[in-house]
Protein backbone atom coordinates (compact mmCIF):
# COMPACT_ATOMS: atom_id res chain seq x y z
CA UNK A 1 0.00 0.00 0.00
CA UNK A 2 1.16 3.54 -0.76
CA UNK A 3 -0.24 6.91 0.12
CA UNK A 4 0.40 10.58 -0.49
CA UNK A 5 -0.99 13.84 0.80
CA UNK A 6 -1.49 16.96 -1.28
CA UNK A 7 -2.05 20.37 0.26
CA UNK A 8 -4.42 22.51 -1.84
CA UNK A 9 -5.39 26.11 -1.19
CA UNK A 10 -6.32 29.44 -2.67
CA UNK A 11 -7.22 32.59 -0.79
CA UNK A 12 -10.73 31.11 -0.63
CA UNK A 13 -9.74 28.25 1.65
CA UNK A 14 -7.79 25.03 2.14
CA UNK A 15 -8.20 21.32 1.62
CA UNK A 16 -6.11 18.23 2.04
CA UNK A 17 -6.24 15.36 -0.45
CA UNK A 18 -5.13 11.97 0.85
CA UNK A 19 -4.54 9.36 -1.84
CA UNK A 20 -4.48 5.75 -0.70
CA UNK A 21 -4.21 3.46 -3.71
CA UNK A 22 -7.71 3.52 -5.31
CA UNK A 23 -9.23 5.67 -2.55
CA UNK A 24 -8.97 9.44 -2.62
CA UNK A 25 -10.17 11.27 0.51
CA UNK A 26 -10.68 15.03 0.53
CA UNK A 27 -10.62 16.87 3.88
CA UNK A 28 -12.20 20.29 3.71
CA UNK A 29 -13.64 22.10 0.70
CA UNK A 30 -13.55 25.69 -0.50
CA UNK A 31 -14.95 27.96 -3.17
CA UNK A 32 -13.06 27.61 -6.41
CA UNK A 33 -11.81 24.09 -5.64
CA UNK A 34 -13.00 22.80 -9.01
CA UNK A 35 -11.12 25.49 -10.89
CA UNK A 36 -8.02 25.05 -8.74
CA UNK A 37 -8.09 21.30 -9.30
CA UNK A 38 -7.81 21.88 -13.05
CA UNK A 39 -4.71 24.00 -12.48
CA UNK A 40 -3.28 21.31 -10.19
CA UNK A 41 -4.30 18.40 -12.41
CA UNK A 42 -6.49 16.81 -9.73
CA UNK A 43 -8.87 14.23 -11.19
CA UNK A 44 -12.23 15.06 -9.57
CA UNK A 45 -14.04 11.77 -10.33
CA UNK A 46 -11.38 9.86 -8.38
CA UNK A 47 -12.41 11.52 -5.12
CA UNK A 48 -14.53 8.96 -3.26
CA UNK A 49 -15.04 10.61 0.14
CA UNK A 50 -15.31 14.23 1.26
CA UNK A 51 -14.90 15.16 4.93
CA UNK A 52 -16.12 18.68 5.68
CA UNK A 53 -14.79 20.85 8.50
CA UNK A 54 -17.70 23.33 8.63
CA UNK A 55 -21.32 23.37 7.48
CA UNK A 56 -20.92 26.13 4.89
CA UNK A 57 -18.42 24.02 2.93
CA UNK A 58 -21.35 22.01 1.54
CA UNK A 59 -22.40 25.06 -0.52
CA UNK A 60 -19.51 25.09 -3.02
CA UNK A 61 -19.46 21.28 -2.83
CA UNK A 62 -22.88 21.33 -4.54
CA UNK A 63 -21.19 22.47 -7.74
CA UNK A 64 -18.61 19.70 -7.35
CA UNK A 65 -21.42 17.13 -7.05
CA UNK A 66 -23.04 18.34 -10.27
CA UNK A 67 -19.70 18.16 -12.09
CA UNK A 68 -18.63 14.67 -10.99
CA UNK A 69 -22.14 13.34 -11.68
CA UNK A 70 -21.85 14.62 -15.25
CA UNK A 71 -18.41 12.97 -15.43
CA UNK A 72 -19.96 9.60 -14.62
CA UNK A 73 -19.40 9.23 -10.89
CA UNK A 74 -22.26 7.19 -9.39
CA UNK A 75 -21.64 7.50 -5.64
CA UNK A 76 -20.08 9.99 -3.24
CA UNK A 77 -19.73 9.84 0.53
CA UNK A 78 -19.85 13.15 2.39
CA UNK A 79 -19.34 13.58 6.11
CA UNK A 80 -19.99 16.61 8.27
CA UNK A 81 -22.33 17.79 11.00
CA UNK A 82 -26.05 16.94 10.94
CA UNK A 83 -26.78 20.30 9.30
CA UNK A 84 -24.87 19.35 6.16
CA UNK A 85 -27.49 16.86 5.00
CA UNK A 86 -30.29 19.36 5.71
CA UNK A 87 -28.59 22.02 3.59
CA UNK A 88 -28.05 19.56 0.75
CA UNK A 89 -31.65 18.39 0.79
CA UNK A 90 -32.87 21.98 0.50
CA UNK A 91 -30.51 22.55 -2.43
CA UNK A 92 -31.89 19.57 -4.36
CA UNK A 93 -34.44 21.88 -5.97
CA UNK A 94 -31.66 23.48 -8.03
CA UNK A 95 -28.54 21.29 -7.60
CA UNK A 96 -29.40 17.64 -7.94
CA UNK A 97 -28.29 14.85 -10.27
CA UNK A 98 -30.37 11.71 -9.69
CA UNK A 99 -27.63 9.49 -11.12
CA UNK A 100 -25.24 10.46 -8.29
CA UNK A 101 -26.02 8.65 -5.03
CA UNK A 102 -25.10 10.91 -2.11
CA UNK A 103 -24.50 9.26 1.26
CA UNK A 104 -24.04 11.45 4.31
CA UNK A 105 -22.21 9.02 6.56
CA UNK A 106 -18.74 7.69 7.11
CA UNK A 107 -18.21 4.39 5.29
CA UNK A 108 -14.51 4.29 6.07
CA UNK A 109 -13.26 2.79 9.36
CA UNK A 110 -9.84 4.31 8.74
CA UNK A 111 -11.23 7.84 9.24
CA UNK A 112 -12.62 8.77 12.66
CA UNK A 113 -14.61 12.04 12.82
CA UNK A 114 -14.35 14.19 15.94
CA UNK A 115 -17.14 16.75 16.17
CA UNK A 116 -16.71 19.97 18.14
CA UNK A 117 -18.85 23.08 18.42
CA UNK A 118 -16.46 25.02 16.16
CA UNK A 119 -16.23 22.34 13.49
CA UNK A 120 -14.92 18.90 12.66
CA UNK A 121 -11.52 17.28 13.13
CA UNK A 122 -10.55 13.89 11.73
CA UNK A 123 -8.15 11.14 12.74
CA UNK A 124 -6.87 8.95 9.92
CA UNK A 125 -5.79 5.49 11.05
CA UNK A 126 -3.65 4.24 8.19
CA UNK A 127 -2.62 0.59 8.10
CA UNK A 128 1.10 -0.05 7.87
CA UNK A 129 2.66 0.26 4.45
CA UNK A 130 4.13 -3.02 3.30
CA UNK A 131 7.74 -3.00 2.24
CA UNK A 132 8.56 -3.53 -1.42
CA UNK A 133 10.25 -6.54 -2.96
CA UNK A 134 13.89 -5.74 -3.82
CA UNK A 135 13.99 -7.28 -7.29
CA UNK A 136 17.62 -6.21 -7.76
CA UNK A 137 18.59 -9.15 -5.54
CA UNK A 138 16.80 -11.64 -7.79
CA UNK A 139 17.66 -13.25 -11.09
CA UNK A 140 15.84 -11.42 -13.90
CA UNK A 141 14.27 -14.74 -14.93
CA UNK A 142 12.89 -15.37 -11.45
CA UNK A 143 9.24 -16.51 -11.97
CA UNK A 144 6.53 -13.94 -11.32
CA UNK A 145 4.45 -16.49 -9.40
CA UNK A 146 7.29 -17.12 -6.96
CA UNK A 147 7.90 -13.36 -6.60
CA UNK A 148 4.33 -13.09 -5.37
CA UNK A 149 5.10 -15.64 -2.64
CA UNK A 150 8.22 -13.73 -1.65
CA UNK A 151 6.09 -10.60 -1.22
CA UNK A 152 4.10 -12.60 1.33
CA UNK A 153 7.44 -13.28 3.06
CA UNK A 154 7.19 -16.96 2.31
CA UNK A 155 10.03 -19.34 1.55
CA UNK A 156 10.18 -20.60 -2.04
CA UNK A 157 12.35 -23.10 -3.92
CA UNK A 158 13.80 -22.14 -7.31
CA UNK A 159 16.43 -24.10 -9.23
CA UNK A 160 17.21 -26.09 -6.09
CA UNK A 161 17.84 -22.95 -4.01
CA UNK A 162 15.60 -21.82 -1.15
CA UNK A 163 14.69 -18.13 -1.06
CA UNK A 164 13.34 -16.59 2.15
CA UNK A 165 10.97 -13.68 1.45
CA UNK A 166 12.12 -11.86 4.59
CA UNK A 167 15.55 -11.46 3.02
CA UNK A 168 14.18 -9.81 -0.11
CA UNK A 169 11.50 -7.52 1.30
CA UNK A 170 12.00 -4.02 2.64
CA UNK A 171 10.79 -3.34 6.16
CA UNK A 172 7.12 -2.43 6.62
CA UNK A 173 6.47 1.21 7.50
CA UNK A 174 4.25 1.98 10.46
CA UNK A 175 2.50 5.29 9.83
CA UNK A 176 0.46 5.55 12.99
CA UNK A 177 -2.50 7.87 13.50
CA UNK A 178 -2.64 11.18 11.65
CA UNK A 179 -4.87 13.98 12.94
CA UNK A 180 -6.23 16.50 10.44
CA UNK A 181 -6.85 19.34 12.87
CA UNK A 182 -9.19 22.14 11.83
CA UNK A 183 -10.02 23.57 15.26
CA UNK A 184 -9.08 23.10 18.89
CA UNK A 185 -12.25 24.87 20.06
CA UNK A 186 -12.45 24.09 23.75
CA UNK A 187 -8.89 22.83 24.29
CA UNK A 188 -9.86 20.53 27.15
CA UNK A 189 -12.59 18.90 25.06
CA UNK A 190 -10.21 18.49 22.15
CA UNK A 191 -7.57 16.79 24.32
CA UNK A 192 -10.18 14.43 25.75
CA UNK A 193 -11.30 13.40 22.26
CA UNK A 194 -7.73 12.71 21.18
CA UNK A 195 -6.75 10.58 24.20
CA UNK A 196 -7.85 7.33 22.56
CA UNK A 197 -5.39 7.74 19.67
CA UNK A 198 -1.64 7.40 19.28
CA UNK A 199 -1.11 10.40 17.03
CA UNK A 200 2.28 10.64 15.39
CA UNK A 201 1.49 13.50 13.02
CA UNK A 202 -0.76 16.55 13.38
CA UNK A 203 -1.67 18.40 10.19
CA UNK A 204 -2.82 21.82 11.39
CA UNK A 205 -5.18 23.67 9.08
CA UNK A 206 -5.01 26.81 11.26
CA UNK A 207 -2.42 28.41 13.53
CA UNK A 208 -4.64 28.08 16.59
CA UNK A 209 -4.18 24.32 16.37
CA UNK A 210 -0.52 24.68 17.34
CA UNK A 211 -1.74 25.08 20.92
CA UNK A 212 -1.69 21.27 21.08
CA UNK A 213 2.05 21.09 20.54
CA UNK A 214 2.97 21.43 24.21
CA UNK A 215 0.68 18.49 25.00
CA UNK A 216 2.26 16.28 22.31
CA UNK A 217 6.00 17.04 22.49
CA UNK A 218 6.96 13.81 20.71
CA UNK A 219 4.54 14.20 17.79
CA UNK A 220 5.24 15.95 14.54
CA UNK A 221 3.28 19.08 13.61
CA UNK A 222 2.77 20.43 10.11
CA UNK A 223 1.22 23.87 9.76
CA UNK A 224 -0.76 24.37 6.56
CA UNK A 225 -0.08 28.04 5.88
CA UNK A 226 -2.19 30.54 3.98
CA UNK A 227 -1.70 30.54 0.22
CA UNK A 228 0.60 33.24 -1.10
CA UNK A 229 1.03 31.79 -4.57
CA UNK A 230 -0.23 32.90 -7.92
CA UNK A 231 -3.38 30.80 -7.69
CA UNK A 232 -4.23 30.42 -11.35
CA UNK A 233 -0.95 30.62 -13.23
CA UNK A 234 -2.44 29.85 -16.66
CA UNK A 235 -4.98 32.66 -16.35
CA UNK A 236 -2.39 35.06 -14.92
CA UNK A 237 0.07 34.48 -17.76
CA UNK A 238 -2.64 35.13 -20.37
CA UNK A 239 -3.93 38.18 -18.50
CA UNK A 240 -0.45 39.71 -18.37
CA UNK A 241 -0.28 39.60 -22.17
CA UNK A 242 -3.78 41.02 -22.59
CA UNK A 243 -3.03 43.78 -20.08
CA UNK A 244 -0.07 44.92 -22.19
CA UNK A 245 -2.41 45.29 -25.17
CA UNK A 246 -5.32 46.82 -23.27
CA UNK A 247 -5.05 48.07 -19.66
CA UNK A 248 -8.74 47.27 -19.13
CA UNK A 249 -7.81 43.60 -18.82
CA UNK A 250 -6.96 43.97 -15.15
CA UNK A 251 -4.27 42.03 -13.33
CA UNK A 252 -4.92 40.17 -10.08
CA UNK A 253 -3.71 42.00 -7.00
CA UNK A 254 -2.16 40.66 -3.83
CA UNK A 255 -1.27 42.75 -0.81
CA UNK A 256 2.07 41.83 0.74
CA UNK A 257 0.82 42.77 4.21
CA UNK A 258 -1.33 39.62 4.19
CA UNK A 259 1.73 37.37 4.30
CA UNK A 260 2.35 35.76 7.67
CA UNK A 261 5.23 33.30 7.37
CA UNK A 262 5.97 30.60 9.92
CA UNK A 263 9.03 31.50 11.94
CA UNK A 264 9.09 28.85 14.66
CA UNK A 265 11.93 26.41 13.98
CA UNK A 266 10.11 23.44 15.50
CA UNK A 267 7.01 23.79 13.28
CA UNK A 268 7.15 22.56 9.73
CA UNK A 269 5.45 24.65 7.09
CA UNK A 270 3.38 22.57 4.66
CA UNK A 271 4.43 24.84 1.81
CA UNK A 272 8.06 23.79 2.36
CA UNK A 273 7.61 20.35 3.85
CA UNK A 274 9.91 17.48 2.92
CA UNK A 275 7.98 14.89 4.91
CA UNK A 276 8.28 11.45 3.33
CA UNK A 277 5.01 10.53 1.68
CA UNK A 278 3.71 14.09 1.46
CA UNK A 279 3.33 15.54 -2.01
CA UNK A 280 3.70 19.32 -2.02
CA UNK A 281 1.55 21.12 -4.59
CA UNK A 282 2.81 24.60 -3.75
CA UNK A 283 5.44 25.28 -6.36
CA UNK A 284 4.58 28.68 -7.84
CA UNK A 285 5.60 31.49 -5.51
CA UNK A 286 4.89 35.17 -5.75
CA UNK A 287 7.84 37.43 -6.28
CA UNK A 288 7.82 40.54 -4.12
CA UNK A 289 7.04 42.63 -7.18
CA UNK A 290 4.07 40.44 -8.06
CA UNK A 291 2.76 40.65 -4.52
CA UNK A 292 2.29 44.41 -4.79
CA UNK A 293 0.45 44.66 -8.08
CA UNK A 294 -1.28 47.99 -7.82
CA UNK A 295 -2.55 49.36 -11.10
CA UNK A 296 -1.04 52.69 -12.09
CA UNK A 297 -4.00 53.67 -14.27
CA UNK A 298 -6.52 56.29 -13.20
CA UNK A 299 -8.98 54.98 -10.63
CA UNK A 300 -12.48 54.61 -12.07
CA UNK A 301 -15.51 55.69 -10.07
CA UNK A 302 -17.89 54.15 -12.61
CA UNK A 303 -17.03 50.79 -14.07
CA UNK A 304 -18.31 47.32 -14.88
CA UNK A 305 -15.92 44.50 -13.99
CA UNK A 306 -16.53 40.94 -15.14
CA UNK A 307 -15.66 38.51 -12.35
CA UNK A 308 -16.75 35.34 -14.16
CA UNK A 309 -17.51 34.89 -17.85
CA UNK A 310 -17.82 31.11 -18.30
CA UNK A 311 -20.87 28.91 -18.38
CA UNK A 312 -21.93 25.97 -16.22
CA UNK A 313 -18.65 25.06 -14.50
CA UNK A 314 -15.43 26.93 -13.63
CA UNK A 315 -12.55 26.48 -16.04
CA UNK A 316 -8.84 27.28 -16.15
CA UNK A 317 -9.41 30.70 -17.76
CA UNK A 318 -12.99 31.59 -16.85
CA UNK A 319 -14.86 31.48 -13.57
CA UNK A 320 -18.66 31.12 -13.46
CA UNK A 321 -21.06 34.04 -13.87
CA UNK A 322 -20.65 37.25 -11.91
CA UNK A 323 -20.46 40.94 -12.79
CA UNK A 324 -20.00 43.95 -10.52
CA UNK A 325 -21.21 47.40 -11.57
CA UNK A 326 -19.61 50.10 -9.45
CA UNK A 327 -20.55 53.74 -9.08
CA UNK A 328 -19.05 56.33 -6.75
CA UNK A 329 -21.29 55.52 -3.76
CA UNK A 330 -23.07 52.30 -4.76
CA UNK A 331 -22.24 48.93 -6.23
CA UNK A 332 -24.48 46.28 -7.77
CA UNK A 333 -23.82 42.58 -8.34
CA UNK A 334 -25.32 40.80 -11.35
CA UNK A 335 -25.28 37.07 -10.58
CA UNK A 336 -22.94 35.58 -8.03
CA UNK A 337 -21.38 32.28 -9.05
CA UNK A 338 -19.05 30.26 -6.87
CA UNK A 339 -15.91 32.11 -5.67
CA UNK A 340 -17.21 35.58 -6.52
CA UNK A 341 -15.94 36.84 -3.16
CA UNK A 342 -12.33 35.90 -3.88
CA UNK A 343 -12.61 37.13 -7.47
CA UNK A 344 -13.46 40.54 -6.02
CA UNK A 345 -10.47 40.28 -3.68
CA UNK A 346 -8.20 39.32 -6.57
CA UNK A 347 -9.20 42.14 -8.90
CA UNK A 348 -9.54 44.89 -6.26
CA UNK A 349 -6.84 43.74 -3.84
CA UNK A 350 -9.31 43.83 -0.94
CA UNK A 351 -13.04 43.66 -0.22
CA UNK A 352 -13.75 47.32 0.48
CA UNK A 353 -15.99 47.66 -2.56
CA UNK A 354 -18.50 45.47 -0.69
CA UNK A 355 -19.05 48.37 1.72
CA UNK A 356 -21.05 50.11 -0.99
CA UNK A 357 -22.80 47.01 -2.33
CA UNK A 358 -26.52 47.72 -2.16
CA UNK A 359 -28.28 45.41 -4.62
CA UNK A 360 -27.71 41.87 -5.90
CA UNK A 361 -29.60 40.36 -8.83
CA UNK A 362 -29.70 36.59 -9.37
CA UNK A 363 -30.97 35.87 -12.86
CA UNK A 364 -32.17 32.30 -12.18
CA UNK A 365 -31.71 29.36 -9.84
CA UNK A 366 -29.05 27.36 -11.71
CA UNK A 367 -26.22 26.74 -9.26
CA UNK A 368 -23.48 28.38 -11.35
CA UNK A 369 -25.23 31.74 -10.94
CA UNK A 370 -25.63 31.94 -7.16
CA UNK A 371 -23.48 29.49 -5.15
CA UNK A 372 -21.18 32.37 -4.18
CA UNK A 373 -23.99 34.45 -2.71
CA UNK A 374 -23.85 33.10 0.85
CA UNK A 375 -20.17 34.05 1.16
CA UNK A 376 -20.77 37.58 -0.15
CA UNK A 377 -23.65 38.14 2.28
CA UNK A 378 -21.61 36.81 5.23
CA UNK A 379 -18.84 39.27 4.40
CA UNK A 380 -20.90 42.46 4.59
CA UNK A 381 -22.28 44.17 7.68
CA UNK A 382 -25.18 46.08 6.20
CA UNK A 383 -28.51 45.04 4.73
CA UNK A 384 -28.70 44.59 0.98
CA UNK A 385 -31.55 44.00 -1.44
CA UNK A 386 -31.41 40.61 -3.17
CA UNK A 387 -33.60 40.12 -6.22
CA UNK A 388 -33.76 36.39 -6.80
CA UNK A 389 -36.02 33.40 -7.54
CA UNK A 390 -38.00 31.73 -4.74
CA UNK A 391 -35.68 28.69 -4.75
CA UNK A 392 -32.66 30.87 -4.02
CA UNK A 393 -34.48 32.71 -1.24
CA UNK A 394 -35.55 29.41 0.35
CA UNK A 395 -31.97 28.17 0.29
CA UNK A 396 -30.48 31.34 1.78
CA UNK A 397 -33.17 31.36 4.47
CA UNK A 398 -31.40 28.38 6.05
CA UNK A 399 -28.68 30.77 7.19
CA UNK A 400 -28.63 33.74 9.52
CA UNK A 401 -28.34 36.57 6.98
CA UNK A 402 -29.51 40.17 7.09
CA UNK A 403 -31.18 40.45 3.68
CA UNK A 404 -34.17 42.13 2.10
CA UNK A 405 -35.51 39.74 -0.53
CA UNK A 406 -37.53 40.54 -3.60
CA UNK A 407 -38.72 37.31 -5.23
CA UNK A 408 -38.55 37.76 -8.98
CA UNK A 409 -40.66 34.79 -10.08
CA UNK A 410 -43.61 35.33 -7.75
CA UNK A 411 -46.75 35.64 -9.91
CA UNK A 412 -44.61 35.33 -13.05
CA UNK A 413 -46.23 37.05 -16.02
CA UNK A 414 -45.13 37.81 -19.56
CA UNK A 415 -44.68 41.49 -18.88
CA UNK A 416 -42.10 44.02 -17.72
CA UNK A 417 -42.12 44.81 -14.00
CA UNK A 418 -41.01 48.27 -12.91
CA UNK A 419 -39.55 48.80 -9.42
CA UNK A 420 -37.63 51.43 -7.52
CA UNK A 421 -35.39 51.14 -4.47
CA UNK A 422 -33.99 53.73 -2.12
CA UNK A 423 -30.39 52.62 -1.82
CA UNK A 424 -27.92 54.68 0.17
CA UNK A 425 -30.18 57.76 -0.17
CA UNK A 426 -30.36 57.21 -3.90
CA UNK A 427 -33.40 56.10 -5.89
CA UNK A 428 -32.54 53.23 -8.24
CA UNK A 429 -35.01 52.24 -10.94
CA UNK A 430 -35.12 48.56 -11.80
CA UNK A 431 -36.97 46.80 -14.60
CA UNK A 432 -37.41 43.03 -14.76
CA UNK A 433 -38.76 40.75 -17.46
CA UNK A 434 -39.10 36.97 -17.74
CA UNK A 435 -36.80 35.30 -20.28
CA UNK A 436 -36.81 31.82 -21.80
CA UNK A 437 -34.29 29.52 -20.11
CA UNK A 438 -35.82 27.85 -17.04
CA UNK A 439 -39.03 28.65 -15.18
CA UNK A 440 -37.53 31.34 -12.92
CA UNK A 441 -35.20 33.11 -15.40
CA UNK A 442 -35.28 36.92 -15.59
CA UNK A 443 -33.44 39.76 -17.25
CA UNK A 444 -32.83 43.12 -15.59
CA UNK A 445 -32.29 46.77 -16.44
CA UNK A 446 -30.69 49.08 -13.87
CA UNK A 447 -31.30 52.80 -14.32
CA UNK A 448 -28.70 54.73 -12.31
CA UNK A 449 -26.08 57.14 -13.61
CA UNK A 450 -26.09 54.82 -16.61
CA UNK A 451 -28.69 52.38 -17.90
CA UNK A 452 -27.33 48.82 -17.76
CA UNK A 453 -29.30 45.82 -19.01
CA UNK A 454 -28.34 42.20 -18.38
CA UNK A 455 -30.00 39.20 -19.99
CA UNK A 456 -28.92 36.39 -17.67
CA UNK A 457 -29.17 33.00 -19.43
CA UNK A 458 -31.81 32.89 -22.13
CA UNK A 459 -32.96 32.42 -25.66
CA UNK A 460 -33.25 35.76 -27.50
CA UNK A 461 -36.10 37.76 -25.98
CA UNK A 462 -37.94 40.57 -27.73
CA UNK A 463 -39.33 41.66 -24.37
CA UNK A 464 -35.79 42.02 -23.07
CA UNK A 465 -34.94 44.06 -26.17
CA UNK A 466 -37.90 46.34 -25.47
CA UNK A 467 -36.96 46.68 -21.79
CA UNK A 468 -33.34 47.46 -22.76
CA UNK A 469 -34.33 50.24 -25.13
CA UNK A 470 -31.65 52.96 -25.26
CA UNK A 471 -29.54 51.28 -22.56
CA UNK A 472 -26.00 52.62 -22.32
CA UNK A 473 -24.71 49.06 -22.03
CA UNK A 474 -26.35 45.74 -22.83
CA UNK A 475 -24.69 42.66 -21.35
CA UNK A 476 -25.97 39.58 -23.12
CA UNK A 477 -25.13 35.91 -22.83
CA UNK A 478 -23.58 34.29 -25.91
CA UNK A 479 -22.95 30.74 -24.76
CA UNK A 480 -22.50 29.43 -28.29
CA UNK A 481 -21.08 30.60 -31.58
CA UNK A 482 -23.39 30.49 -34.58
CA UNK A 483 -22.06 27.05 -35.59
CA UNK A 484 -23.68 25.60 -32.47
CA UNK A 485 -27.18 26.93 -33.01
CA UNK A 486 -28.74 23.49 -32.37
CA UNK A 487 -27.01 23.35 -28.98
CA UNK A 488 -28.34 26.80 -28.16
CA UNK A 489 -31.89 25.76 -29.01
CA UNK A 490 -31.62 22.54 -27.02
CA UNK A 491 -30.22 24.18 -23.86
CA UNK A 492 -32.17 27.45 -24.24
CA UNK A 493 -29.14 29.67 -24.60
CA UNK A 494 -28.19 32.31 -27.17
CA UNK A 495 -25.68 32.38 -30.00
CA UNK A 496 -23.56 35.43 -30.80
CA UNK A 497 -25.89 36.33 -33.68
CA UNK A 498 -28.92 35.96 -31.38
CA UNK A 499 -27.41 38.42 -28.92
CA UNK A 500 -26.45 40.84 -31.69
CA UNK A 501 -29.98 40.73 -33.08
CA UNK A 502 -31.52 41.61 -29.71
CA UNK A 503 -28.95 44.37 -29.25
CA UNK A 504 -29.81 45.90 -32.61
CA UNK A 505 -33.55 45.75 -31.88
CA UNK A 506 -33.05 47.47 -28.50
CA UNK A 507 -31.14 50.49 -29.74
CA UNK A 508 -28.68 50.07 -26.85
CA UNK A 509 -25.34 51.79 -27.34
CA UNK A 510 -22.76 49.16 -26.32
CA UNK A 511 -22.96 45.35 -26.44
CA UNK A 512 -20.77 43.19 -24.18
CA UNK A 513 -21.02 39.41 -24.60
CA UNK A 514 -20.40 36.96 -21.77
CA UNK A 515 -21.21 33.44 -20.47
CA UNK A 516 -19.17 31.51 -23.02
CA UNK A 517 -19.19 27.75 -23.42
CA UNK A 518 -16.22 25.68 -22.21
CA UNK A 519 -15.50 25.15 -25.92
CA UNK A 520 -14.12 28.68 -26.00
CA UNK A 521 -11.71 29.01 -23.04
CA UNK A 522 -9.84 31.97 -24.54
CA UNK A 523 -10.79 33.11 -28.01
CA UNK A 524 -14.45 33.24 -29.10
CA UNK A 525 -14.49 32.72 -32.88
CA UNK A 526 -16.51 35.57 -34.34
CA UNK A 527 -16.01 38.51 -36.70
CA UNK A 528 -18.57 40.67 -34.90
CA UNK A 529 -16.92 43.82 -33.58
CA UNK A 530 -18.31 43.97 -30.05
CA UNK A 531 -16.80 43.50 -26.61
CA UNK A 532 -16.14 39.88 -25.65
CA UNK A 533 -15.84 39.81 -21.88
CA UNK A 534 -13.04 37.98 -20.14
CA UNK A 535 -12.55 37.53 -16.40
CA UNK A 536 -11.25 40.82 -14.94
CA UNK A 537 -12.21 42.77 -18.06
CA UNK A 538 -13.30 46.29 -17.15
CA UNK A 539 -15.67 48.52 -19.06
CA UNK A 540 -15.35 52.11 -17.82
CA UNK A 541 -17.75 53.80 -20.27
CA UNK A 542 -14.74 55.14 -22.20
CA UNK A 543 -13.45 51.90 -23.71
CA UNK A 544 -13.09 51.54 -27.43
CA UNK A 545 -13.25 48.23 -29.26
CA UNK A 546 -9.68 46.93 -29.48
CA UNK A 547 -9.05 44.73 -32.51
CA UNK A 548 -5.50 44.00 -31.29
CA UNK A 549 -6.99 42.01 -28.40
CA UNK A 550 -9.01 39.90 -30.82
CA UNK A 551 -6.00 39.41 -33.09
CA UNK A 552 -3.90 38.20 -30.19
CA UNK A 553 -6.54 35.75 -28.93
CA UNK A 554 -7.02 34.41 -32.44
CA UNK A 555 -3.26 33.91 -32.79
CA UNK A 556 -2.92 31.78 -29.66
CA UNK A 557 -5.93 29.68 -30.64
CA UNK A 558 -4.41 28.67 -33.98
């Protein structure tokens, strides 16, 4: 038997992947894990068991479940507190694949869960690793059948000579108990829970867990530090090139003051660990210059920034749907896919823009458009208005959130609904209209300093065109190019030509396309001269169409 441990993290969170022959166990889960796993070449369908530390980790895991079900996985075991199953059951109305059997229990005797008020810890009781047969000591013609007996440490007879397996096998390795420690909570309670185990190695997911070190002086401690890498190297390298062509393709920011390196000599840092059997995935470090990436361009007080421009699932170059529209004193969020919070942190360098967030619009209840919403709402301290379908409201109502809901699909009618909201002493006019995608899909028009219309996911809608009349900016989905019209009809999405047709009928001034299929990770093949959004693309109401960007993307796609 062999095993390895991989440490995985972004600024969104941490997880630990333990690989034991055919079994892959994941401890912890965070927003953006799917996208990060692509960068790290983690095979998602191979993960058999997920052990959650906290209840909220089930939210981004919902997207993972949809993905692995579509990849053919038939069963997944998830363990957490009793609330985890309740949250999942509520989410089945919008995030369920019947072909994936979900079991909320621990089917693995090698993993022992330890529940505390502040979260879960786990003890992994690995069997000893058998030594390997040293074939260099054997004749190259030594029969395979007899080699098998030697591996069982048996004595065998070959060509009149007796071979003792003990003389040809390496020593077995005793691993002992490993504790994956997320929280110490009440220290006394934690120590009591751990008494029954002979723990040789503590993997500490947080610094507070190092408090146990004085109670286990003979055990080894590994501290899993915060991530200070470039998280998505492929995206970053492409964005650097685009930024040189057009400064409105913004670069991710990272503030050097967030770094908190381990200094204690007797604590190993997981980012630098050389522990036998541990596979380190942290191999792309920030340089000091990269850590302080502040844009030198003039700060915009009015801008639209695309945080996610892909469809359905996160990919290496595009996160799932989210757009932030920022004015001087207010900000508005249009859809909120998984990891929106950290996308904001990456592009702004901090989360201060959330202080002026006043309204969030969720276009429909598909998971890729709202799984990041809980984390946004938990990060702000003021009440916001959330316009969303009933299913999304029901899901968020499971949590203690200070939100004013407006349910978009209540009494759904084929007509435009006109609303107004007093947000931060400012009257904002909002128009909504149903669109053809799923039963709770809506488009929106915001009338503030500028008129912004956003289609969400849909087939082309003449009502949306009418509602968007004379908009300064129309943001329209274009999941497919015109060659995939049949796919668009089948999935109730729009092609580029569909979006352009609605734009022309509306009389809007600027068209920005988004929500592109995974078929188009970088370049979107089209000759139409409009804006094709990319993650961290900014429209500041002064942008001009830049053909050099299109030429570059075409060149790297060839």
